[in-house]
Amino acid sequence: MIMKKSFLQTMPFLLLCLLLFSCKHKNTNELQEGDLLFQDIKCGGLCDAIEAVTQGIGGKKFSHCAMVVSINDTLKVIEAIGSQVQVNSVRNFFKRSGDSIFIKNITVGRLKETYKSLIPKATAFAKQQIGQPYDDIFLLNNGKWYCSELLYESFKAANHGNDFFEVQPMTYKDPKTHEYFPAWIDYYKALNQDIPEGKLGTNPGLISRSDKIEIIKLPNLAE
């Protein structure tokens, strides 16, 4: 009877330990709100030109990025793509890169612990931009959004209006020839716009190399 009573008395403590252990592993092995997703989209000459001048972490090539957000207790992906800022399912985002169950082609970045307090305000800001037009000219502060600009501005807003991620002068020139990529010449000609060479901006590769995030490995695709 003494042994049985002692065991029963320790049961709540053991269950609590198991619960905490389980929660810890769930948090580290699955996508979390605020995670940043870096993607290589195959869109022809423009994507190739973007990747040629925007080196990602570990030398990877990225032409797109997005952020994980929670909407109605479900993890979704918010991104500036197509004609506007929009929300897509995690599964469809990964399928775009050929990932279905196992994550192979998407790179996942997570804010370091020091900065995680910014995530709620950053995701709230990003959600406020849903439906806003896509920035096809790739300029900051023009009321439109391109993919990495959405992440940059979201965390800037969360950081009391101070830069969180870095910006750099943008280039649209081939690093080998120092001439404009033909794809960009045709692109901006169709928009009747000058190429914004040297203007400050951001890109997926630049954000992926930020020292404020760490690249994590996830075993499988969250539902």
N, C-alpha and C. Protein backbone atom coordinates (compact mmCIF):
# COMPACT_ATOMS: atom_id res chain seq x y z
N MET A 1 0.82 -1.21 0.00
CA MET A 1 0.00 0.00 0.00
C MET A 1 0.86 1.26 0.00
N ILE A 2 1.96 1.21 0.71
CA ILE A 2 2.84 2.37 0.76
C ILE A 2 3.43 2.66 -0.61
N MET A 3 3.86 1.58 -1.30
CA MET A 3 4.44 1.76 -2.64
C MET A 3 3.40 2.28 -3.61
N LYS A 4 2.19 1.77 -3.52
CA LYS A 4 1.12 2.22 -4.42
C LYS A 4 0.80 3.68 -4.21
N LYS A 5 0.73 4.11 -2.95
CA LYS A 5 0.44 5.51 -2.65
C LYS A 5 1.55 6.41 -3.16
N SER A 6 2.80 6.00 -2.99
CA SER A 6 3.93 6.80 -3.46
C SER A 6 3.89 6.96 -4.96
N PHE A 7 3.56 5.89 -5.67
CA PHE A 7 3.49 5.95 -7.13
C PHE A 7 2.39 6.90 -7.59
N LEU A 8 1.24 6.79 -6.92
CA LEU A 8 0.13 7.65 -7.29
C LEU A 8 0.44 9.12 -7.03
N GLN A 9 1.20 9.37 -5.96
CA GLN A 9 1.55 10.75 -5.64
C GLN A 9 2.49 11.35 -6.68
N THR A 10 3.31 10.50 -7.30
CA THR A 10 4.26 11.00 -8.30
C THR A 10 3.66 11.08 -9.69
N MET A 11 2.48 10.49 -9.91
CA MET A 11 1.86 10.47 -11.23
C MET A 11 1.67 11.86 -11.83
N PRO A 12 1.10 12.85 -11.09
CA PRO A 12 0.91 14.19 -11.68
C PRO A 12 2.21 14.81 -12.15
N PHE A 13 3.27 14.61 -11.38
CA PHE A 13 4.58 15.17 -11.76
C PHE A 13 5.10 14.52 -13.03
N LEU A 14 4.96 13.19 -13.12
CA LEU A 14 5.43 12.48 -14.32
C LEU A 14 4.64 12.91 -15.55
N LEU A 15 3.34 13.06 -15.39
CA LEU A 15 2.51 13.49 -16.53
C LEU A 15 2.88 14.89 -16.97
N LEU A 16 3.18 15.76 -16.02
CA LEU A 16 3.59 17.12 -16.37
C LEU A 16 4.88 17.12 -17.14
N CYS A 17 5.83 16.29 -16.70
CA CYS A 17 7.12 16.20 -17.40
C CYS A 17 6.93 15.72 -18.83
N LEU A 18 6.08 14.68 -18.99
CA LEU A 18 5.83 14.16 -20.33
C LEU A 18 5.17 15.21 -21.22
N LEU A 19 4.24 15.98 -20.63
CA LEU A 19 3.55 17.02 -21.39
C LEU A 19 4.53 18.09 -21.85
N LEU A 20 5.39 18.53 -20.94
CA LEU A 20 6.36 19.57 -21.29
C LEU A 20 7.34 19.06 -22.33
N PHE A 21 7.76 17.82 -22.20
CA PHE A 21 8.69 17.23 -23.17
C PHE A 21 8.06 17.16 -24.54
N SER A 22 6.79 16.73 -24.56
CA SER A 22 6.06 16.62 -25.83
C SER A 22 5.88 17.97 -26.48
N CYS A 23 5.52 19.00 -25.69
CA CYS A 23 5.32 20.34 -26.24
C CYS A 23 6.62 20.89 -26.80
N LYS A 24 7.71 20.63 -26.10
CA LYS A 24 9.00 21.12 -26.56
C LYS A 24 9.34 20.56 -27.91
N HIS A 25 9.12 19.27 -28.08
CA HIS A 25 9.46 18.66 -29.37
C HIS A 25 8.52 19.09 -30.46
N LYS A 26 7.26 19.32 -30.12
CA LYS A 26 6.32 19.80 -31.13
C LYS A 26 6.73 21.17 -31.64
N ASN A 27 7.18 22.03 -30.75
CA ASN A 27 7.55 23.38 -31.13
C ASN A 27 8.80 23.42 -31.99
N THR A 28 9.74 22.50 -31.76
CA THR A 28 11.00 22.56 -32.48
C THR A 28 10.96 21.78 -33.78
N ASN A 29 10.06 20.82 -33.91
CA ASN A 29 10.05 19.94 -35.07
C ASN A 29 8.95 20.27 -36.07
N GLU A 30 8.19 21.32 -35.82
CA GLU A 30 7.14 21.71 -36.74
C GLU A 30 7.24 23.20 -37.05
N LEU A 31 6.57 23.60 -38.11
CA LEU A 31 6.54 25.02 -38.43
C LEU A 31 5.90 25.81 -37.30
N GLN A 32 6.37 27.03 -37.12
CA GLN A 32 5.82 27.92 -36.10
C GLN A 32 5.44 29.25 -36.74
N GLU A 33 4.51 29.94 -36.11
CA GLU A 33 4.16 31.27 -36.58
C GLU A 33 5.41 32.15 -36.53
N GLY A 34 5.62 32.90 -37.58
CA GLY A 34 6.80 33.76 -37.67
C GLY A 34 7.95 33.15 -38.43
N ASP A 35 7.88 31.85 -38.74
CA ASP A 35 8.93 31.23 -39.54
C ASP A 35 8.96 31.86 -40.93
N LEU A 36 10.14 31.99 -41.48
CA LEU A 36 10.32 32.56 -42.81
C LEU A 36 10.66 31.46 -43.79
N LEU A 37 10.01 31.47 -44.95
CA LEU A 37 10.17 30.42 -45.95
C LEU A 37 10.83 30.99 -47.19
N PHE A 38 11.90 30.35 -47.62
CA PHE A 38 12.66 30.81 -48.79
C PHE A 38 12.53 29.77 -49.88
N GLN A 39 12.25 30.26 -51.08
CA GLN A 39 11.81 29.37 -52.16
C GLN A 39 12.49 29.74 -53.48
N ASP A 40 12.78 28.70 -54.23
CA ASP A 40 13.30 28.87 -55.59
C ASP A 40 12.15 28.61 -56.56
N ILE A 41 11.59 29.69 -57.08
CA ILE A 41 10.49 29.56 -58.04
C ILE A 41 11.05 29.53 -59.46
N LYS A 42 10.52 28.64 -60.25
CA LYS A 42 10.94 28.54 -61.64
C LYS A 42 10.00 29.39 -62.50
N CYS A 43 10.42 30.64 -62.75
CA CYS A 43 9.54 31.52 -63.53
C CYS A 43 10.26 32.08 -64.76
N GLY A 44 11.32 31.39 -65.18
CA GLY A 44 12.01 31.81 -66.39
C GLY A 44 13.10 32.83 -66.16
N GLY A 45 13.28 33.72 -67.14
CA GLY A 45 14.39 34.66 -67.14
C GLY A 45 14.43 35.60 -65.95
N LEU A 46 13.26 36.06 -65.49
CA LEU A 46 13.24 36.99 -64.37
C LEU A 46 13.74 36.34 -63.09
N CYS A 47 13.25 35.14 -62.81
CA CYS A 47 13.71 34.44 -61.60
C CYS A 47 15.19 34.11 -61.69
N ASP A 48 15.64 33.73 -62.87
CA ASP A 48 17.06 33.45 -63.05
C ASP A 48 17.88 34.71 -62.79
N ALA A 49 17.39 35.85 -63.25
CA ALA A 49 18.10 37.12 -63.05
C ALA A 49 18.13 37.50 -61.58
N ILE A 50 17.01 37.28 -60.88
CA ILE A 50 16.97 37.58 -59.45
C ILE A 50 17.99 36.73 -58.71
N GLU A 51 18.01 35.46 -59.00
CA GLU A 51 18.89 34.54 -58.29
C GLU A 51 20.36 34.78 -58.61
N ALA A 52 20.64 35.33 -59.78
CA ALA A 52 22.02 35.57 -60.18
C ALA A 52 22.67 36.68 -59.37
N VAL A 53 21.85 37.59 -58.83
CA VAL A 53 22.42 38.75 -58.12
C VAL A 53 22.03 38.76 -56.64
N THR A 54 21.35 37.71 -56.16
CA THR A 54 20.90 37.69 -54.77
C THR A 54 21.28 36.36 -54.14
N GLN A 55 22.49 36.25 -53.68
CA GLN A 55 22.95 35.00 -53.09
C GLN A 55 22.28 34.74 -51.74
N GLY A 56 21.80 33.51 -51.57
CA GLY A 56 21.15 33.14 -50.32
C GLY A 56 22.12 32.46 -49.37
N ILE A 57 21.61 32.10 -48.21
CA ILE A 57 22.42 31.43 -47.19
C ILE A 57 23.01 30.14 -47.75
N GLY A 58 24.28 29.93 -47.50
CA GLY A 58 24.93 28.72 -47.97
C GLY A 58 25.05 28.63 -49.48
N GLY A 59 24.96 29.79 -50.16
CA GLY A 59 25.06 29.79 -51.61
C GLY A 59 23.79 29.36 -52.32
N LYS A 60 22.70 29.20 -51.59
CA LYS A 60 21.45 28.78 -52.22
C LYS A 60 20.85 29.90 -53.06
N LYS A 61 19.99 29.52 -53.99
CA LYS A 61 19.34 30.47 -54.89
C LYS A 61 17.87 30.60 -54.51
N PHE A 62 17.47 31.82 -54.18
CA PHE A 62 16.07 32.08 -53.82
C PHE A 62 15.51 33.19 -54.68
N SER A 63 14.29 33.00 -55.15
CA SER A 63 13.60 34.05 -55.90
C SER A 63 12.31 34.48 -55.21
N HIS A 64 12.00 33.86 -54.06
CA HIS A 64 10.75 34.19 -53.37
C HIS A 64 10.89 33.88 -51.89
N CYS A 65 10.12 34.60 -51.07
CA CYS A 65 10.08 34.32 -49.63
C CYS A 65 8.71 34.67 -49.09
N ALA A 66 8.39 34.12 -47.93
CA ALA A 66 7.07 34.31 -47.33
C ALA A 66 7.19 34.09 -45.82
N MET A 67 6.08 34.25 -45.13
CA MET A 67 6.09 34.09 -43.67
C MET A 67 4.91 33.24 -43.22
N VAL A 68 5.14 32.42 -42.21
CA VAL A 68 4.09 31.59 -41.63
C VAL A 68 3.31 32.42 -40.62
N VAL A 69 1.99 32.38 -40.72
CA VAL A 69 1.12 33.09 -39.79
C VAL A 69 0.02 32.16 -39.32
N SER A 70 -0.56 32.49 -38.19
CA SER A 70 -1.69 31.71 -37.67
C SER A 70 -2.99 32.47 -37.95
N ILE A 71 -3.92 31.80 -38.63
CA ILE A 71 -5.22 32.38 -38.94
C ILE A 71 -6.28 31.38 -38.52
N ASN A 72 -7.12 31.78 -37.57
CA ASN A 72 -8.14 30.88 -37.02
C ASN A 72 -7.52 29.59 -36.50
N ASP A 73 -6.40 29.74 -35.79
CA ASP A 73 -5.69 28.63 -35.17
C ASP A 73 -5.11 27.64 -36.18
N THR A 74 -4.95 28.06 -37.42
CA THR A 74 -4.34 27.22 -38.44
C THR A 74 -3.16 27.95 -39.05
N LEU A 75 -2.05 27.24 -39.20
CA LEU A 75 -0.88 27.87 -39.80
C LEU A 75 -1.08 28.02 -41.30
N LYS A 76 -0.85 29.24 -41.79
CA LYS A 76 -0.95 29.56 -43.20
C LYS A 76 0.33 30.27 -43.64
N VAL A 77 0.41 30.54 -44.92
CA VAL A 77 1.55 31.28 -45.47
C VAL A 77 1.05 32.59 -46.04
N ILE A 78 1.63 33.69 -45.58
CA ILE A 78 1.29 34.99 -46.15
C ILE A 78 2.43 35.41 -47.06
N GLU A 79 2.08 35.89 -48.24
CA GLU A 79 3.11 36.19 -49.24
C GLU A 79 2.60 37.25 -50.21
N ALA A 80 3.56 38.02 -50.72
CA ALA A 80 3.26 38.95 -51.82
C ALA A 80 3.64 38.23 -53.11
N ILE A 81 2.64 37.84 -53.84
CA ILE A 81 2.88 37.07 -55.06
C ILE A 81 1.69 37.27 -56.00
N GLY A 82 1.93 37.14 -57.29
CA GLY A 82 0.84 37.33 -58.23
C GLY A 82 0.45 38.79 -58.30
N SER A 83 -0.80 39.08 -58.00
CA SER A 83 -1.28 40.46 -58.11
C SER A 83 -1.38 41.17 -56.77
N GLN A 84 -1.18 40.41 -55.65
CA GLN A 84 -1.44 41.04 -54.35
C GLN A 84 -0.81 40.25 -53.21
N VAL A 85 -0.89 40.83 -52.02
CA VAL A 85 -0.53 40.11 -50.80
C VAL A 85 -1.68 39.15 -50.51
N GLN A 86 -1.35 37.88 -50.29
CA GLN A 86 -2.40 36.89 -50.13
C GLN A 86 -1.99 35.80 -49.15
N VAL A 87 -2.96 35.01 -48.73
CA VAL A 87 -2.74 33.90 -47.82
C VAL A 87 -2.96 32.59 -48.57
N ASN A 88 -2.02 31.67 -48.40
CA ASN A 88 -2.14 30.35 -49.01
C ASN A 88 -1.90 29.27 -47.96
N SER A 89 -2.29 28.06 -48.27
CA SER A 89 -2.05 26.97 -47.34
C SER A 89 -0.58 26.60 -47.35
N VAL A 90 -0.13 26.06 -46.24
CA VAL A 90 1.26 25.59 -46.15
C VAL A 90 1.53 24.53 -47.21
N ARG A 91 0.59 23.61 -47.34
CA ARG A 91 0.79 22.50 -48.27
C ARG A 91 0.92 23.00 -49.71
N ASN A 92 0.07 23.92 -50.12
CA ASN A 92 0.15 24.42 -51.49
C ASN A 92 1.43 25.22 -51.72
N PHE A 93 1.88 25.95 -50.71
CA PHE A 93 3.14 26.68 -50.84
C PHE A 93 4.29 25.71 -51.08
N PHE A 94 4.33 24.63 -50.31
CA PHE A 94 5.41 23.67 -50.47
C PHE A 94 5.30 22.91 -51.79
N LYS A 95 4.10 22.63 -52.22
CA LYS A 95 3.92 21.91 -53.49
C LYS A 95 4.47 22.72 -54.66
N ARG A 96 4.44 24.04 -54.51
CA ARG A 96 4.97 24.90 -55.57
C ARG A 96 6.43 24.59 -55.86
N SER A 97 7.14 24.11 -54.84
CA SER A 97 8.55 23.77 -55.01
C SER A 97 8.78 22.27 -55.12
N GLY A 98 7.70 21.52 -55.25
CA GLY A 98 7.83 20.08 -55.41
C GLY A 98 7.91 19.32 -54.10
N ASP A 99 7.68 19.98 -52.96
CA ASP A 99 7.67 19.31 -51.67
C ASP A 99 6.25 18.91 -51.33
N SER A 100 6.05 17.66 -50.92
CA SER A 100 4.72 17.21 -50.54
C SER A 100 4.71 16.73 -49.10
N ILE A 101 5.50 15.72 -48.79
CA ILE A 101 5.57 15.21 -47.42
C ILE A 101 6.89 15.62 -46.77
N PHE A 102 7.99 15.35 -47.46
CA PHE A 102 9.30 15.66 -46.91
C PHE A 102 9.79 17.00 -47.46
N ILE A 103 10.36 17.80 -46.58
CA ILE A 103 10.85 19.11 -46.97
C ILE A 103 12.26 18.99 -47.54
N LYS A 104 12.38 19.29 -48.81
CA LYS A 104 13.69 19.18 -49.47
C LYS A 104 14.08 20.48 -50.16
N ASN A 105 13.13 21.17 -50.72
CA ASN A 105 13.45 22.31 -51.58
C ASN A 105 13.14 23.67 -50.96
N ILE A 106 12.48 23.68 -49.82
CA ILE A 106 12.19 24.91 -49.11
C ILE A 106 13.21 25.08 -47.99
N THR A 107 13.71 26.30 -47.80
CA THR A 107 14.59 26.60 -46.68
C THR A 107 13.78 27.37 -45.64
N VAL A 108 13.85 26.93 -44.40
CA VAL A 108 13.06 27.52 -43.31
C VAL A 108 13.97 28.29 -42.37
N GLY A 109 13.66 29.56 -42.17
CA GLY A 109 14.40 30.40 -41.23
C GLY A 109 13.54 30.71 -40.02
N ARG A 110 14.15 30.73 -38.85
CA ARG A 110 13.42 31.02 -37.62
C ARG A 110 14.15 32.09 -36.83
N LEU A 111 13.42 33.08 -36.34
CA LEU A 111 14.05 34.13 -35.55
C LEU A 111 14.75 33.54 -34.33
N LYS A 112 15.90 34.07 -34.02
CA LYS A 112 16.59 33.64 -32.82
C LYS A 112 15.77 34.06 -31.60
N GLU A 113 15.98 33.35 -30.51
CA GLU A 113 15.16 33.53 -29.31
C GLU A 113 15.09 34.98 -28.87
N THR A 114 16.19 35.70 -29.02
CA THR A 114 16.27 37.10 -28.59
C THR A 114 15.21 37.97 -29.25
N TYR A 115 14.82 37.61 -30.47
CA TYR A 115 13.94 38.48 -31.26
C TYR A 115 12.52 37.96 -31.40
N LYS A 116 12.20 36.83 -30.79
CA LYS A 116 10.89 36.22 -31.01
C LYS A 116 9.73 37.07 -30.49
N SER A 117 10.01 37.98 -29.58
CA SER A 117 8.94 38.83 -29.06
C SER A 117 8.37 39.75 -30.14
N LEU A 118 9.09 39.90 -31.25
CA LEU A 118 8.62 40.76 -32.34
C LEU A 118 7.58 40.07 -33.24
N ILE A 119 7.50 38.76 -33.14
CA ILE A 119 6.68 38.00 -34.08
C ILE A 119 5.21 38.39 -34.05
N PRO A 120 4.56 38.51 -32.90
CA PRO A 120 3.12 38.87 -32.92
C PRO A 120 2.83 40.16 -33.65
N LYS A 121 3.62 41.20 -33.43
CA LYS A 121 3.38 42.47 -34.11
C LYS A 121 3.73 42.38 -35.60
N ALA A 122 4.77 41.62 -35.92
CA ALA A 122 5.15 41.47 -37.33
C ALA A 122 4.07 40.74 -38.12
N THR A 123 3.55 39.66 -37.57
CA THR A 123 2.51 38.91 -38.28
C THR A 123 1.22 39.72 -38.36
N ALA A 124 0.93 40.48 -37.32
CA ALA A 124 -0.28 41.32 -37.34
C ALA A 124 -0.17 42.36 -38.45
N PHE A 125 1.01 42.97 -38.59
CA PHE A 125 1.22 43.96 -39.65
C PHE A 125 1.06 43.31 -41.02
N ALA A 126 1.66 42.13 -41.19
CA ALA A 126 1.57 41.45 -42.48
C ALA A 126 0.12 41.14 -42.84
N LYS A 127 -0.67 40.70 -41.87
CA LYS A 127 -2.07 40.38 -42.14
C LYS A 127 -2.85 41.61 -42.57
N GLN A 128 -2.46 42.76 -42.05
CA GLN A 128 -3.15 44.01 -42.43
C GLN A 128 -2.93 44.35 -43.90
N GLN A 129 -1.92 43.76 -44.51
CA GLN A 129 -1.61 44.07 -45.91
C GLN A 129 -2.30 43.13 -46.90
N ILE A 130 -3.04 42.15 -46.39
CA ILE A 130 -3.71 41.20 -47.28
C ILE A 130 -4.62 41.96 -48.25
N GLY A 131 -4.47 41.67 -49.51
CA GLY A 131 -5.27 42.33 -50.54
C GLY A 131 -4.59 43.54 -51.15
N GLN A 132 -3.50 44.01 -50.54
CA GLN A 132 -2.77 45.15 -51.10
C GLN A 132 -2.03 44.71 -52.38
N PRO A 133 -1.85 45.62 -53.32
CA PRO A 133 -1.28 45.24 -54.62
C PRO A 133 0.18 44.82 -54.56
N TYR A 134 0.54 43.94 -55.47
CA TYR A 134 1.92 43.50 -55.60
C TYR A 134 2.76 44.62 -56.21
N ASP A 135 3.98 44.77 -55.71
CA ASP A 135 4.88 45.82 -56.19
C ASP A 135 5.73 45.30 -57.35
N ASP A 136 5.22 45.47 -58.55
CA ASP A 136 5.94 44.96 -59.72
C ASP A 136 7.10 45.84 -60.14
N ILE A 137 7.27 47.00 -59.51
CA ILE A 137 8.41 47.88 -59.82
C ILE A 137 9.56 47.63 -58.84
N PHE A 138 9.28 47.03 -57.71
CA PHE A 138 10.28 46.69 -56.68
C PHE A 138 10.91 47.94 -56.06
N LEU A 139 10.06 48.81 -55.55
CA LEU A 139 10.51 50.01 -54.85
C LEU A 139 9.91 50.04 -53.45
N LEU A 140 10.70 50.46 -52.49
CA LEU A 140 10.19 50.60 -51.13
C LEU A 140 9.27 51.83 -51.03
N ASN A 141 8.36 51.76 -50.10
CA ASN A 141 7.53 52.91 -49.72
C ASN A 141 6.69 53.50 -50.86
N ASN A 142 6.11 52.62 -51.66
CA ASN A 142 5.25 53.11 -52.74
C ASN A 142 3.83 52.57 -52.64
N GLY A 143 3.48 52.03 -51.44
CA GLY A 143 2.12 51.55 -51.24
C GLY A 143 1.85 50.19 -51.84
N LYS A 144 2.89 49.54 -52.37
CA LYS A 144 2.76 48.20 -52.92
C LYS A 144 3.81 47.31 -52.25
N TRP A 145 3.70 46.00 -52.51
CA TRP A 145 4.56 45.07 -51.77
C TRP A 145 5.13 43.99 -52.68
N TYR A 146 6.44 43.82 -52.62
CA TYR A 146 7.03 42.61 -53.21
C TYR A 146 7.40 41.67 -52.07
N CYS A 147 7.77 40.44 -52.38
CA CYS A 147 7.81 39.39 -51.36
C CYS A 147 8.70 39.72 -50.16
N SER A 148 9.96 40.07 -50.41
CA SER A 148 10.87 40.34 -49.30
C SER A 148 10.58 41.69 -48.64
N GLU A 149 9.98 42.61 -49.39
CA GLU A 149 9.59 43.89 -48.81
C GLU A 149 8.53 43.69 -47.73
N LEU A 150 7.62 42.74 -47.95
CA LEU A 150 6.59 42.46 -46.96
C LEU A 150 7.21 42.00 -45.65
N LEU A 151 8.21 41.14 -45.73
CA LEU A 151 8.88 40.67 -44.51
C LEU A 151 9.68 41.80 -43.87
N TYR A 152 10.39 42.54 -44.68
CA TYR A 152 11.21 43.64 -44.18
C TYR A 152 10.36 44.67 -43.43
N GLU A 153 9.26 45.09 -44.05
CA GLU A 153 8.42 46.11 -43.44
C GLU A 153 7.65 45.57 -42.23
N SER A 154 7.28 44.30 -42.25
CA SER A 154 6.55 43.73 -41.12
C SER A 154 7.41 43.75 -39.86
N PHE A 155 8.67 43.36 -39.99
CA PHE A 155 9.53 43.34 -38.81
C PHE A 155 10.05 44.74 -38.46
N LYS A 156 10.10 45.62 -39.44
CA LYS A 156 10.43 47.01 -39.13
C LYS A 156 9.32 47.63 -38.29
N ALA A 157 8.09 47.37 -38.66
CA ALA A 157 6.95 47.89 -37.90
C ALA A 157 6.96 47.32 -36.48
N ALA A 158 7.27 46.03 -36.35
CA ALA A 158 7.31 45.41 -35.03
C ALA A 158 8.48 45.92 -34.19
N ASN A 159 9.50 46.44 -34.86
CA ASN A 159 10.71 46.93 -34.19
C ASN A 159 10.66 48.44 -33.99
N HIS A 160 9.45 48.96 -33.76
CA HIS A 160 9.24 50.39 -33.46
C HIS A 160 9.72 51.30 -34.60
N GLY A 161 9.57 50.82 -35.84
CA GLY A 161 9.93 51.63 -37.00
C GLY A 161 11.40 51.64 -37.33
N ASN A 162 12.18 50.82 -36.63
CA ASN A 162 13.61 50.73 -36.91
C ASN A 162 13.90 49.49 -37.75
N ASP A 163 14.86 49.60 -38.67
CA ASP A 163 15.20 48.46 -39.51
C ASP A 163 15.54 47.25 -38.65
N PHE A 164 14.98 46.11 -39.03
CA PHE A 164 15.31 44.84 -38.39
C PHE A 164 16.15 44.02 -39.35
N PHE A 165 15.65 43.86 -40.56
CA PHE A 165 16.43 43.25 -41.62
C PHE A 165 17.14 44.34 -42.42
N GLU A 166 18.21 43.97 -43.05
CA GLU A 166 19.06 44.92 -43.78
C GLU A 166 18.47 45.26 -45.14
N VAL A 167 18.76 46.46 -45.62
CA VAL A 167 18.50 46.82 -47.01
C VAL A 167 19.82 47.18 -47.66
N GLN A 168 19.88 47.00 -48.97
CA GLN A 168 21.09 47.29 -49.73
C GLN A 168 20.71 47.92 -51.07
N PRO A 169 21.66 48.59 -51.71
CA PRO A 169 21.39 49.06 -53.08
C PRO A 169 21.12 47.87 -54.00
N MET A 170 20.06 47.95 -54.75
CA MET A 170 19.71 46.84 -55.63
C MET A 170 20.43 46.97 -56.98
N THR A 171 20.68 45.82 -57.57
CA THR A 171 21.26 45.83 -58.91
C THR A 171 20.51 44.86 -59.81
N TYR A 172 20.44 45.24 -61.06
CA TYR A 172 19.76 44.43 -62.07
C TYR A 172 20.74 44.03 -63.17
N LYS A 173 22.02 44.11 -62.84
CA LYS A 173 23.07 43.84 -63.82
C LYS A 173 23.70 42.48 -63.59
N ASP A 174 24.09 41.86 -64.68
CA ASP A 174 24.79 40.59 -64.63
C ASP A 174 26.15 40.80 -63.97
N PRO A 175 26.46 40.11 -62.85
CA PRO A 175 27.74 40.32 -62.18
C PRO A 175 28.95 39.96 -63.03
N LYS A 176 28.73 39.18 -64.09
CA LYS A 176 29.84 38.79 -64.96
C LYS A 176 30.11 39.84 -66.03
N THR A 177 29.06 40.41 -66.60
CA THR A 177 29.24 41.36 -67.70
C THR A 177 29.04 42.81 -67.27
N HIS A 178 28.41 43.00 -66.10
CA HIS A 178 28.06 44.34 -65.58
C HIS A 178 27.09 45.07 -66.51
N GLU A 179 26.38 44.30 -67.31
CA GLU A 179 25.33 44.83 -68.17
C GLU A 179 23.98 44.38 -67.64
N TYR A 180 22.93 45.17 -67.91
CA TYR A 180 21.61 44.78 -67.47
C TYR A 180 21.20 43.44 -68.08
N PHE A 181 20.57 42.60 -67.27
CA PHE A 181 20.01 41.37 -67.82
C PHE A 181 18.95 41.73 -68.85
N PRO A 182 18.95 41.11 -70.01
CA PRO A 182 17.92 41.39 -71.01
C PRO A 182 16.50 41.24 -70.47
N ALA A 183 16.31 40.28 -69.58
CA ALA A 183 14.98 40.06 -69.01
C ALA A 183 14.48 41.29 -68.26
N TRP A 184 15.40 41.98 -67.56
CA TRP A 184 15.00 43.19 -66.83
C TRP A 184 14.76 44.36 -67.77
N ILE A 185 15.53 44.44 -68.82
CA ILE A 185 15.31 45.51 -69.81
C ILE A 185 13.92 45.40 -70.40
N ASP A 186 13.56 44.18 -70.81
CA ASP A 186 12.23 43.96 -71.39
C ASP A 186 11.13 44.18 -70.35
N TYR A 187 11.39 43.76 -69.13
CA TYR A 187 10.39 43.85 -68.07
C TYR A 187 10.03 45.30 -67.78
N TYR A 188 11.04 46.13 -67.56
CA TYR A 188 10.76 47.52 -67.21
C TYR A 188 10.31 48.34 -68.42
N LYS A 189 10.71 47.93 -69.59
CA LYS A 189 10.22 48.59 -70.80
C LYS A 189 8.72 48.38 -70.93
N ALA A 190 8.27 47.16 -70.62
CA ALA A 190 6.84 46.86 -70.70
C ALA A 190 6.04 47.66 -69.67
N LEU A 191 6.69 47.98 -68.54
CA LEU A 191 6.03 48.77 -67.50
C LEU A 191 6.18 50.27 -67.73
N ASN A 192 6.98 50.63 -68.75
CA ASN A 192 7.27 52.04 -69.02
C ASN A 192 7.91 52.71 -67.80
N GLN A 193 8.85 51.99 -67.20
CA GLN A 193 9.53 52.47 -66.01
C GLN A 193 11.04 52.34 -66.19
N ASP A 194 11.77 53.24 -65.54
CA ASP A 194 13.22 53.11 -65.53
C ASP A 194 13.62 51.99 -64.58
N ILE A 195 14.70 51.31 -64.90
CA ILE A 195 15.22 50.28 -64.01
C ILE A 195 15.76 50.96 -62.75
N PRO A 196 15.29 50.56 -61.57
CA PRO A 196 15.70 51.25 -60.33
C PRO A 196 17.07 50.80 -59.82
N GLU A 197 18.05 50.83 -60.67
CA GLU A 197 19.41 50.44 -60.31
C GLU A 197 19.94 51.32 -59.18
N GLY A 198 20.49 50.68 -58.14
CA GLY A 198 21.09 51.42 -57.04
C GLY A 198 20.13 51.87 -55.96
N LYS A 199 18.83 51.70 -56.18
CA LYS A 199 17.86 52.07 -55.15
C LYS A 199 17.92 51.06 -54.00
N LEU A 200 17.70 51.55 -52.79
CA LEU A 200 17.71 50.65 -51.65
C LEU A 200 16.55 49.67 -51.72
N GLY A 201 16.83 48.44 -51.38
CA GLY A 201 15.79 47.42 -51.39
C GLY A 201 16.25 46.17 -50.68
N THR A 202 15.47 45.14 -50.78
CA THR A 202 15.80 43.89 -50.13
C THR A 202 15.48 42.74 -51.08
N ASN A 203 15.85 41.54 -50.71
CA ASN A 203 15.58 40.38 -51.54
C ASN A 203 15.61 39.13 -50.67
N PRO A 204 15.06 38.03 -51.15
CA PRO A 204 15.01 36.81 -50.32
C PRO A 204 16.38 36.34 -49.85
N GLY A 205 17.37 36.39 -50.75
CA GLY A 205 18.70 35.93 -50.36
C GLY A 205 19.29 36.74 -49.22
N LEU A 206 19.09 38.05 -49.28
CA LEU A 206 19.63 38.94 -48.25
C LEU A 206 19.02 38.63 -46.89
N ILE A 207 17.70 38.45 -46.84
CA ILE A 207 17.05 38.14 -45.58
C ILE A 207 17.50 36.78 -45.06
N SER A 208 17.69 35.82 -45.96
CA SER A 208 18.10 34.48 -45.52
C SER A 208 19.47 34.48 -44.86
N ARG A 209 20.29 35.49 -45.18
CA ARG A 209 21.64 35.57 -44.60
C ARG A 209 21.68 36.41 -43.33
N SER A 210 20.55 36.90 -42.87
CA SER A 210 20.51 37.74 -41.69
C SER A 210 21.02 36.99 -40.46
N ASP A 211 21.79 37.68 -39.63
CA ASP A 211 22.28 37.06 -38.40
C ASP A 211 21.21 37.04 -37.30
N LYS A 212 20.02 37.51 -37.62
CA LYS A 212 18.93 37.49 -36.64
C LYS A 212 18.07 36.25 -36.75
N ILE A 213 18.34 35.43 -37.76
CA ILE A 213 17.59 34.18 -37.91
C ILE A 213 18.55 33.01 -37.96
N GLU A 214 18.00 31.82 -37.74
CA GLU A 214 18.77 30.60 -37.90
C GLU A 214 18.01 29.68 -38.85
N ILE A 215 18.75 28.97 -39.66
CA ILE A 215 18.14 28.04 -40.59
C ILE A 215 17.91 26.73 -39.85
N ILE A 216 16.69 26.22 -39.92
CA ILE A 216 16.35 25.01 -39.19
C ILE A 216 15.98 23.88 -40.14
N LYS A 217 16.11 22.68 -39.63
CA LYS A 217 15.75 21.49 -40.40
C LYS A 217 14.48 20.89 -39.80
N LEU A 218 13.48 20.72 -40.63
CA LEU A 218 12.24 20.12 -40.20
C LEU A 218 12.11 18.76 -40.86
N PRO A 219 11.64 17.74 -40.13
CA PRO A 219 11.60 16.39 -40.68
C PRO A 219 10.51 16.16 -41.71
N ASN A 220 9.41 16.91 -41.60
CA ASN A 220 8.33 16.69 -42.56
C ASN A 220 7.48 17.94 -42.68
N LEU A 221 6.57 17.90 -43.60
CA LEU A 221 5.69 19.02 -43.89
C LEU A 221 4.50 19.04 -42.95
N ALA A 222 4.33 20.18 -42.24
CA ALA A 222 3.18 20.29 -41.35
C ALA A 222 1.89 20.36 -42.16
N GLU A 223 0.84 19.82 -41.60
CA GLU A 223 -0.46 19.87 -42.28
C GLU A 223 -0.99 21.29 -42.28
